[in-house]
Amino acid sequence: MHALVEWSGFVGAWLLVAGPLFQAAVELDEQGDHRRGLTRASDAVGPPPRLSPWWWLLPPVAYVKQRRRQAAYRERIMDALTTGELEAFIDLSSTATGWALVASGAFFIAVKETWELLETYEAPAWLLPVVLVLLLALCAAYTVVRVRWAHGVVDAKRRAAAGAA
């Protein structure tokens, strides 16, 4: 019975990781039109200014200079967005942040549950990072496959409808 409980916790924790990753991908994909404003603003502002590699001989100075350049570039991008585009970007950013927090919390639970399962079977400690990387990759791969599948189904339906018309 102990093993069944350990496996249930392990599987449940990893489902809690896969679920938010998948939901985030779906919701962010639905908001794809909102990214157009950010692309337009980025094209209007141009590429971010580059920092001379020589500054990295003094890493603290280079870090501060790079952060200031990035902040100024972000501000120019935000100024180039219309009010509607800015609202859409903030919605997109909030959605991404929310799902990232949920998936991160679930991942930490999955780490604990994975460790406990490995302890139950007296597996070596080096196996934990290997299993974590593999399962995280599996969760990400599931999300990619499902989103691509959904796009493929919709695209095929559109092509069929266009061919029938």
N, C-alpha and C. Protein backbone atom coordinates (compact mmCIF):
# COMPACT_ATOMS: atom_id res chain seq x y z
N MET A 1 0.82 -1.20 0.00
CA MET A 1 0.00 0.00 0.00
C MET A 1 0.87 1.27 0.00
N HIS A 2 2.01 1.20 0.69
CA HIS A 2 2.91 2.35 0.76
C HIS A 2 3.39 2.75 -0.64
N ALA A 3 3.74 1.74 -1.45
CA ALA A 3 4.23 2.02 -2.80
C ALA A 3 3.14 2.67 -3.65
N LEU A 4 1.89 2.23 -3.50
CA LEU A 4 0.78 2.81 -4.26
C LEU A 4 0.61 4.28 -3.92
N VAL A 5 0.72 4.62 -2.66
CA VAL A 5 0.60 6.01 -2.23
C VAL A 5 1.76 6.84 -2.78
N GLU A 6 2.97 6.29 -2.74
CA GLU A 6 4.14 7.00 -3.27
C GLU A 6 3.99 7.25 -4.76
N TRP A 7 3.55 6.24 -5.51
CA TRP A 7 3.35 6.40 -6.95
C TRP A 7 2.23 7.39 -7.25
N SER A 8 1.19 7.36 -6.45
CA SER A 8 0.08 8.31 -6.66
C SER A 8 0.55 9.75 -6.47
N GLY A 9 1.33 9.98 -5.42
CA GLY A 9 1.87 11.32 -5.19
C GLY A 9 2.79 11.76 -6.31
N PHE A 10 3.63 10.84 -6.77
CA PHE A 10 4.57 11.11 -7.85
C PHE A 10 3.83 11.47 -9.15
N VAL A 11 2.89 10.64 -9.56
CA VAL A 11 2.14 10.89 -10.80
C VAL A 11 1.32 12.17 -10.67
N GLY A 12 0.66 12.34 -9.53
CA GLY A 12 -0.16 13.55 -9.32
C GLY A 12 0.67 14.82 -9.38
N ALA A 13 1.84 14.80 -8.78
CA ALA A 13 2.69 15.99 -8.79
C ALA A 13 3.13 16.33 -10.20
N TRP A 14 3.48 15.33 -11.00
CA TRP A 14 3.93 15.60 -12.36
C TRP A 14 2.77 16.03 -13.26
N LEU A 15 1.57 15.55 -12.97
CA LEU A 15 0.40 16.06 -13.70
C LEU A 15 0.16 17.53 -13.36
N LEU A 16 0.46 17.89 -12.12
CA LEU A 16 0.35 19.30 -11.72
C LEU A 16 1.39 20.17 -12.41
N VAL A 17 2.48 19.60 -12.85
CA VAL A 17 3.48 20.34 -13.63
C VAL A 17 3.02 20.45 -15.07
N ALA A 18 2.60 19.32 -15.65
CA ALA A 18 2.21 19.29 -17.06
C ALA A 18 0.98 20.15 -17.33
N GLY A 19 0.02 20.14 -16.41
CA GLY A 19 -1.23 20.88 -16.61
C GLY A 19 -1.03 22.38 -16.79
N PRO A 20 -0.36 23.05 -15.87
CA PRO A 20 -0.14 24.49 -16.04
C PRO A 20 0.73 24.83 -17.25
N LEU A 21 1.72 23.98 -17.56
CA LEU A 21 2.52 24.24 -18.75
C LEU A 21 1.65 24.19 -20.00
N PHE A 22 0.79 23.19 -20.08
CA PHE A 22 -0.10 23.05 -21.23
C PHE A 22 -1.09 24.21 -21.28
N GLN A 23 -1.69 24.53 -20.15
CA GLN A 23 -2.68 25.62 -20.11
C GLN A 23 -2.04 26.95 -20.46
N ALA A 24 -0.82 27.18 -20.01
CA ALA A 24 -0.12 28.41 -20.35
C ALA A 24 0.11 28.49 -21.85
N ALA A 25 0.53 27.39 -22.45
CA ALA A 25 0.76 27.39 -23.89
C ALA A 25 -0.53 27.67 -24.65
N VAL A 26 -1.62 27.06 -24.22
CA VAL A 26 -2.91 27.27 -24.89
C VAL A 26 -3.35 28.72 -24.78
N GLU A 27 -3.29 29.27 -23.56
CA GLU A 27 -3.75 30.64 -23.36
C GLU A 27 -2.84 31.66 -24.06
N LEU A 28 -1.55 31.44 -24.03
CA LEU A 28 -0.64 32.36 -24.70
C LEU A 28 -0.78 32.24 -26.21
N ASP A 29 -1.06 31.06 -26.70
CA ASP A 29 -1.30 30.87 -28.13
C ASP A 29 -2.57 31.61 -28.56
N GLU A 30 -3.60 31.57 -27.72
CA GLU A 30 -4.84 32.28 -28.03
C GLU A 30 -4.63 33.79 -28.07
N GLN A 31 -3.67 34.27 -27.32
CA GLN A 31 -3.39 35.70 -27.27
C GLN A 31 -2.36 36.11 -28.31
N GLY A 32 -2.11 35.27 -29.30
CA GLY A 32 -1.09 35.54 -30.32
C GLY A 32 -1.29 36.86 -31.03
N ASP A 33 -2.55 37.26 -31.26
CA ASP A 33 -2.81 38.53 -31.94
C ASP A 33 -2.28 39.71 -31.13
N HIS A 34 -2.26 39.57 -29.82
CA HIS A 34 -1.80 40.66 -28.97
C HIS A 34 -0.30 40.92 -29.11
N ARG A 35 0.43 39.92 -29.57
CA ARG A 35 1.87 40.09 -29.73
C ARG A 35 2.22 40.94 -30.94
N ARG A 36 1.27 41.11 -31.84
CA ARG A 36 1.55 41.89 -33.05
C ARG A 36 1.94 43.32 -32.73
N GLY A 37 1.28 43.91 -31.74
CA GLY A 37 1.61 45.27 -31.34
C GLY A 37 3.03 45.38 -30.84
N LEU A 38 3.45 44.38 -30.07
CA LEU A 38 4.81 44.37 -29.56
C LEU A 38 5.81 44.22 -30.70
N THR A 39 5.48 43.40 -31.67
CA THR A 39 6.35 43.25 -32.85
C THR A 39 6.44 44.55 -33.63
N ARG A 40 5.31 45.21 -33.81
CA ARG A 40 5.29 46.49 -34.53
C ARG A 40 6.14 47.51 -33.80
N ALA A 41 5.96 47.62 -32.49
CA ALA A 41 6.72 48.60 -31.70
C ALA A 41 8.22 48.28 -31.73
N SER A 42 8.55 47.01 -31.66
CA SER A 42 9.95 46.60 -31.70
C SER A 42 10.58 46.96 -33.04
N ASP A 43 9.82 46.75 -34.13
CA ASP A 43 10.32 47.11 -35.46
C ASP A 43 10.50 48.63 -35.57
N ALA A 44 9.58 49.39 -34.97
CA ALA A 44 9.65 50.85 -35.05
C ALA A 44 10.84 51.39 -34.25
N VAL A 45 11.11 50.79 -33.11
CA VAL A 45 12.20 51.27 -32.24
C VAL A 45 13.56 50.81 -32.75
N GLY A 46 13.59 49.63 -33.34
CA GLY A 46 14.86 49.09 -33.83
C GLY A 46 15.48 48.16 -32.81
N PRO A 47 16.63 47.60 -33.14
CA PRO A 47 17.27 46.65 -32.23
C PRO A 47 17.80 47.34 -30.98
N PRO A 48 17.94 46.57 -29.91
CA PRO A 48 18.50 47.15 -28.69
C PRO A 48 19.96 47.52 -28.89
N PRO A 49 20.44 48.53 -28.19
CA PRO A 49 21.84 48.93 -28.32
C PRO A 49 22.76 47.84 -27.78
N ARG A 50 23.87 47.64 -28.47
CA ARG A 50 24.83 46.61 -28.06
C ARG A 50 25.87 47.21 -27.12
N LEU A 51 26.29 46.41 -26.20
CA LEU A 51 27.34 46.79 -25.26
C LEU A 51 28.67 46.27 -25.79
N SER A 52 29.66 47.09 -25.76
CA SER A 52 30.98 46.67 -26.22
C SER A 52 31.47 45.51 -25.35
N PRO A 53 31.98 44.46 -25.97
CA PRO A 53 32.49 43.32 -25.20
C PRO A 53 33.62 43.69 -24.25
N TRP A 54 34.29 44.81 -24.53
CA TRP A 54 35.39 45.24 -23.65
C TRP A 54 34.91 45.54 -22.24
N TRP A 55 33.64 45.94 -22.11
CA TRP A 55 33.13 46.26 -20.77
C TRP A 55 33.12 45.02 -19.87
N TRP A 56 33.08 43.83 -20.45
CA TRP A 56 33.03 42.61 -19.64
C TRP A 56 34.37 42.30 -18.98
N LEU A 57 35.39 43.11 -19.28
CA LEU A 57 36.63 43.00 -18.51
C LEU A 57 36.41 43.53 -17.09
N LEU A 58 35.40 44.36 -16.93
CA LEU A 58 34.96 44.85 -15.61
C LEU A 58 33.50 44.41 -15.41
N PRO A 59 33.28 43.15 -15.04
CA PRO A 59 31.91 42.61 -15.02
C PRO A 59 30.88 43.43 -14.25
N PRO A 60 31.18 43.97 -13.07
CA PRO A 60 30.14 44.75 -12.39
C PRO A 60 29.71 45.98 -13.19
N VAL A 61 30.67 46.64 -13.82
CA VAL A 61 30.36 47.82 -14.63
C VAL A 61 29.55 47.40 -15.86
N ALA A 62 29.97 46.32 -16.50
CA ALA A 62 29.26 45.83 -17.68
C ALA A 62 27.82 45.45 -17.31
N TYR A 63 27.64 44.82 -16.18
CA TYR A 63 26.31 44.40 -15.75
C TYR A 63 25.40 45.62 -15.56
N VAL A 64 25.90 46.63 -14.86
CA VAL A 64 25.11 47.84 -14.62
C VAL A 64 24.79 48.54 -15.95
N LYS A 65 25.78 48.68 -16.81
CA LYS A 65 25.55 49.33 -18.11
C LYS A 65 24.52 48.55 -18.94
N GLN A 66 24.63 47.22 -18.94
CA GLN A 66 23.70 46.40 -19.70
C GLN A 66 22.28 46.54 -19.15
N ARG A 67 22.13 46.52 -17.84
CA ARG A 67 20.80 46.68 -17.22
C ARG A 67 20.19 48.04 -17.57
N ARG A 68 20.99 49.09 -17.55
CA ARG A 68 20.49 50.43 -17.90
C ARG A 68 20.06 50.49 -19.36
N ARG A 69 20.84 49.89 -20.24
CA ARG A 69 20.49 49.87 -21.66
C ARG A 69 19.19 49.09 -21.89
N GLN A 70 19.05 47.97 -21.22
CA GLN A 70 17.83 47.17 -21.37
C GLN A 70 16.62 47.93 -20.85
N ALA A 71 16.77 48.62 -19.72
CA ALA A 71 15.65 49.39 -19.15
C ALA A 71 15.25 50.52 -20.10
N ALA A 72 16.23 51.20 -20.67
CA ALA A 72 15.93 52.30 -21.60
C ALA A 72 15.25 51.76 -22.86
N TYR A 73 15.70 50.62 -23.34
CA TYR A 73 15.10 50.00 -24.53
C TYR A 73 13.65 49.59 -24.24
N ARG A 74 13.42 48.96 -23.08
CA ARG A 74 12.05 48.59 -22.69
C ARG A 74 11.14 49.80 -22.62
N GLU A 75 11.67 50.89 -22.09
CA GLU A 75 10.87 52.12 -21.99
C GLU A 75 10.52 52.66 -23.37
N ARG A 76 11.47 52.61 -24.31
CA ARG A 76 11.17 53.06 -25.68
C ARG A 76 10.11 52.18 -26.34
N ILE A 77 10.20 50.89 -26.09
CA ILE A 77 9.19 49.96 -26.64
C ILE A 77 7.82 50.29 -26.06
N MET A 78 7.74 50.48 -24.75
CA MET A 78 6.46 50.77 -24.11
C MET A 78 5.88 52.09 -24.61
N ASP A 79 6.74 53.07 -24.84
CA ASP A 79 6.28 54.36 -25.38
C ASP A 79 5.74 54.21 -26.80
N ALA A 80 6.29 53.26 -27.57
CA ALA A 80 5.87 53.07 -28.96
C ALA A 80 4.55 52.30 -29.07
N LEU A 81 4.13 51.64 -27.99
CA LEU A 81 2.88 50.88 -28.02
C LEU A 81 1.69 51.82 -27.86
N THR A 82 0.59 51.49 -28.54
CA THR A 82 -0.65 52.23 -28.30
C THR A 82 -1.22 51.77 -26.96
N THR A 83 -2.21 52.47 -26.45
CA THR A 83 -2.81 52.09 -25.17
C THR A 83 -3.39 50.68 -25.25
N GLY A 84 -4.07 50.37 -26.34
CA GLY A 84 -4.65 49.04 -26.51
C GLY A 84 -3.58 47.95 -26.57
N GLU A 85 -2.49 48.23 -27.29
CA GLU A 85 -1.40 47.27 -27.39
C GLU A 85 -0.72 47.07 -26.03
N LEU A 86 -0.58 48.16 -25.27
CA LEU A 86 0.02 48.05 -23.95
C LEU A 86 -0.85 47.21 -23.03
N GLU A 87 -2.17 47.43 -23.07
CA GLU A 87 -3.09 46.62 -22.26
C GLU A 87 -2.99 45.15 -22.65
N ALA A 88 -2.94 44.87 -23.95
CA ALA A 88 -2.83 43.49 -24.42
C ALA A 88 -1.51 42.87 -23.97
N PHE A 89 -0.42 43.64 -24.02
CA PHE A 89 0.88 43.14 -23.58
C PHE A 89 0.86 42.83 -22.09
N ILE A 90 0.25 43.71 -21.31
CA ILE A 90 0.18 43.47 -19.86
C ILE A 90 -0.66 42.24 -19.56
N ASP A 91 -1.77 42.05 -20.29
CA ASP A 91 -2.57 40.84 -20.12
C ASP A 91 -1.75 39.59 -20.44
N LEU A 92 -1.02 39.65 -21.55
CA LEU A 92 -0.19 38.53 -21.96
C LEU A 92 0.88 38.25 -20.91
N SER A 93 1.54 39.29 -20.44
CA SER A 93 2.58 39.16 -19.44
C SER A 93 2.04 38.61 -18.12
N SER A 94 0.87 39.07 -17.72
CA SER A 94 0.25 38.60 -16.48
C SER A 94 -0.13 37.13 -16.58
N THR A 95 -0.69 36.74 -17.72
CA THR A 95 -1.06 35.35 -17.93
C THR A 95 0.18 34.46 -17.87
N ALA A 96 1.23 34.86 -18.56
CA ALA A 96 2.46 34.07 -18.57
C ALA A 96 3.06 33.96 -17.17
N THR A 97 3.07 35.06 -16.44
CA THR A 97 3.64 35.06 -15.10
C THR A 97 2.83 34.17 -14.17
N GLY A 98 1.50 34.27 -14.25
CA GLY A 98 0.64 33.46 -13.39
C GLY A 98 0.85 31.97 -13.61
N TRP A 99 0.85 31.54 -14.87
CA TRP A 99 1.03 30.12 -15.14
C TRP A 99 2.45 29.67 -14.80
N ALA A 100 3.43 30.53 -14.98
CA ALA A 100 4.81 30.17 -14.62
C ALA A 100 4.92 29.94 -13.11
N LEU A 101 4.24 30.76 -12.33
CA LEU A 101 4.26 30.58 -10.88
C LEU A 101 3.59 29.27 -10.47
N VAL A 102 2.45 28.97 -11.09
CA VAL A 102 1.74 27.73 -10.76
C VAL A 102 2.60 26.52 -11.14
N ALA A 103 3.18 26.54 -12.35
CA ALA A 103 4.01 25.42 -12.80
C ALA A 103 5.27 25.29 -11.93
N SER A 104 5.83 26.41 -11.50
CA SER A 104 7.03 26.36 -10.64
C SER A 104 6.70 25.74 -9.29
N GLY A 105 5.60 26.15 -8.71
CA GLY A 105 5.18 25.55 -7.43
C GLY A 105 4.94 24.06 -7.57
N ALA A 106 4.28 23.67 -8.66
CA ALA A 106 4.03 22.25 -8.91
C ALA A 106 5.34 21.49 -9.10
N PHE A 107 6.30 22.13 -9.76
CA PHE A 107 7.59 21.48 -9.98
C PHE A 107 8.28 21.18 -8.64
N PHE A 108 8.21 22.11 -7.70
CA PHE A 108 8.84 21.86 -6.40
C PHE A 108 8.15 20.72 -5.66
N ILE A 109 6.83 20.62 -5.81
CA ILE A 109 6.12 19.48 -5.22
C ILE A 109 6.57 18.19 -5.91
N ALA A 110 6.73 18.26 -7.24
CA ALA A 110 7.17 17.08 -7.99
C ALA A 110 8.58 16.65 -7.58
N VAL A 111 9.45 17.61 -7.28
CA VAL A 111 10.80 17.27 -6.81
C VAL A 111 10.69 16.45 -5.52
N LYS A 112 9.88 16.92 -4.60
CA LYS A 112 9.70 16.23 -3.32
C LYS A 112 9.13 14.83 -3.53
N GLU A 113 8.09 14.73 -4.33
CA GLU A 113 7.44 13.44 -4.56
C GLU A 113 8.38 12.48 -5.30
N THR A 114 9.17 12.99 -6.23
CA THR A 114 10.12 12.16 -6.96
C THR A 114 11.19 11.63 -6.01
N TRP A 115 11.68 12.53 -5.14
CA TRP A 115 12.69 12.12 -4.17
C TRP A 115 12.15 11.03 -3.25
N GLU A 116 10.93 11.19 -2.78
CA GLU A 116 10.35 10.20 -1.88
C GLU A 116 10.15 8.86 -2.57
N LEU A 117 9.75 8.90 -3.85
CA LEU A 117 9.59 7.65 -4.60
C LEU A 117 10.93 6.95 -4.78
N LEU A 118 11.95 7.73 -5.11
CA LEU A 118 13.28 7.14 -5.28
C LEU A 118 13.81 6.58 -3.96
N GLU A 119 13.51 7.25 -2.86
CA GLU A 119 13.91 6.74 -1.55
C GLU A 119 13.22 5.42 -1.24
N THR A 120 11.96 5.31 -1.62
CA THR A 120 11.21 4.08 -1.38
C THR A 120 11.91 2.88 -2.02
N TYR A 121 12.45 3.09 -3.21
CA TYR A 121 13.14 2.02 -3.92
C TYR A 121 14.64 2.03 -3.69
N GLU A 122 15.11 2.86 -2.76
CA GLU A 122 16.52 2.96 -2.39
C GLU A 122 17.41 3.20 -3.62
N ALA A 123 16.94 4.08 -4.50
CA ALA A 123 17.70 4.43 -5.70
C ALA A 123 18.82 5.39 -5.32
N PRO A 124 19.89 5.41 -6.11
CA PRO A 124 21.00 6.33 -5.81
C PRO A 124 20.56 7.80 -5.98
N ALA A 125 21.17 8.67 -5.22
CA ALA A 125 20.79 10.09 -5.23
C ALA A 125 21.04 10.75 -6.58
N TRP A 126 22.04 10.30 -7.33
CA TRP A 126 22.34 10.91 -8.63
C TRP A 126 21.20 10.73 -9.63
N LEU A 127 20.30 9.79 -9.34
CA LEU A 127 19.19 9.53 -10.25
C LEU A 127 18.13 10.64 -10.20
N LEU A 128 18.07 11.37 -9.09
CA LEU A 128 17.06 12.43 -8.95
C LEU A 128 17.16 13.48 -10.05
N PRO A 129 18.32 14.13 -10.27
CA PRO A 129 18.35 15.14 -11.34
C PRO A 129 18.08 14.56 -12.72
N VAL A 130 18.48 13.32 -12.95
CA VAL A 130 18.23 12.69 -14.25
C VAL A 130 16.73 12.53 -14.47
N VAL A 131 16.04 12.01 -13.46
CA VAL A 131 14.59 11.80 -13.56
C VAL A 131 13.88 13.15 -13.69
N LEU A 132 14.31 14.15 -12.93
CA LEU A 132 13.67 15.46 -13.01
C LEU A 132 13.79 16.06 -14.41
N VAL A 133 14.99 16.00 -14.99
CA VAL A 133 15.20 16.56 -16.33
C VAL A 133 14.35 15.80 -17.35
N LEU A 134 14.35 14.47 -17.26
CA LEU A 134 13.58 13.66 -18.21
C LEU A 134 12.08 13.96 -18.11
N LEU A 135 11.56 14.03 -16.90
CA LEU A 135 10.13 14.26 -16.74
C LEU A 135 9.74 15.68 -17.11
N LEU A 136 10.59 16.64 -16.83
CA LEU A 136 10.31 18.01 -17.24
C LEU A 136 10.32 18.11 -18.77
N ALA A 137 11.24 17.43 -19.40
CA ALA A 137 11.28 17.39 -20.87
C ALA A 137 10.04 16.70 -21.42
N LEU A 138 9.59 15.66 -20.76
CA LEU A 138 8.38 14.96 -21.19
C LEU A 138 7.16 15.87 -21.08
N CYS A 139 7.06 16.63 -19.99
CA CYS A 139 5.95 17.58 -19.83
C CYS A 139 5.98 18.65 -20.93
N ALA A 140 7.15 19.18 -21.22
CA ALA A 140 7.29 20.19 -22.26
C ALA A 140 6.98 19.60 -23.63
N ALA A 141 7.46 18.38 -23.89
CA ALA A 141 7.20 17.74 -25.18
C ALA A 141 5.71 17.48 -25.37
N TYR A 142 5.04 17.06 -24.31
CA TYR A 142 3.59 16.85 -24.40
C TYR A 142 2.88 18.13 -24.81
N THR A 143 3.28 19.23 -24.20
CA THR A 143 2.67 20.52 -24.51
C THR A 143 2.91 20.89 -25.97
N VAL A 144 4.13 20.76 -26.44
CA VAL A 144 4.46 21.11 -27.82
C VAL A 144 3.67 20.23 -28.79
N VAL A 145 3.64 18.94 -28.54
CA VAL A 145 2.93 18.02 -29.44
C VAL A 145 1.45 18.36 -29.48
N ARG A 146 0.84 18.61 -28.33
CA ARG A 146 -0.60 18.90 -28.30
C ARG A 146 -0.92 20.22 -29.00
N VAL A 147 -0.13 21.24 -28.78
CA VAL A 147 -0.39 22.54 -29.42
C VAL A 147 -0.21 22.41 -30.93
N ARG A 148 0.85 21.73 -31.38
CA ARG A 148 1.05 21.53 -32.82
C ARG A 148 -0.07 20.69 -33.42
N TRP A 149 -0.52 19.67 -32.70
CA TRP A 149 -1.62 18.85 -33.18
C TRP A 149 -2.87 19.70 -33.38
N ALA A 150 -3.18 20.54 -32.38
CA ALA A 150 -4.37 21.40 -32.48
C ALA A 150 -4.27 22.34 -33.67
N HIS A 151 -3.11 22.92 -33.88
CA HIS A 151 -2.92 23.80 -35.04
C HIS A 151 -3.09 23.02 -36.33
N GLY A 152 -2.55 21.81 -36.37
CA GLY A 152 -2.65 20.98 -37.57
C GLY A 152 -4.10 20.63 -37.90
N VAL A 153 -4.89 20.30 -36.88
CA VAL A 153 -6.30 19.96 -37.10
C VAL A 153 -7.06 21.17 -37.64
N VAL A 154 -6.84 22.32 -37.03
CA VAL A 154 -7.53 23.53 -37.48
C VAL A 154 -7.09 23.92 -38.88
N ASP A 155 -5.79 23.86 -39.14
CA ASP A 155 -5.29 24.21 -40.48
C ASP A 155 -5.85 23.27 -41.54
N ALA A 156 -5.93 21.97 -41.24
CA ALA A 156 -6.48 21.02 -42.20
C ALA A 156 -7.94 21.31 -42.48
N LYS A 157 -8.68 21.68 -41.44
CA LYS A 157 -10.10 22.02 -41.62
C LYS A 157 -10.24 23.27 -42.47
N ARG A 158 -9.38 24.27 -42.24
CA ARG A 158 -9.42 25.50 -43.05
C ARG A 158 -9.11 25.19 -44.51
N ARG A 159 -8.09 24.37 -44.75
CA ARG A 159 -7.73 24.02 -46.13
C ARG A 159 -8.86 23.26 -46.80
N ALA A 160 -9.51 22.36 -46.07
CA ALA A 160 -10.63 21.60 -46.63
C ALA A 160 -11.80 22.52 -46.95
N ALA A 161 -12.07 23.48 -46.07
CA ALA A 161 -13.16 24.42 -46.29
C ALA A 161 -12.84 25.34 -47.47
N ALA A 162 -11.58 25.75 -47.59
CA ALA A 162 -11.19 26.62 -48.71
C ALA A 162 -11.24 25.85 -50.03
N GLY A 163 -10.90 24.57 -50.00
CA GLY A 163 -10.95 23.76 -51.20
C GLY A 163 -12.37 23.47 -51.66
N ALA A 164 -13.29 23.39 -50.70
CA ALA A 164 -14.70 23.12 -51.02
C ALA A 164 -15.40 24.36 -51.53
N ALA A 165 -14.86 25.51 -51.21
CA ALA A 165 -15.53 26.78 -51.61
C ALA A 165 -15.21 27.21 -53.00
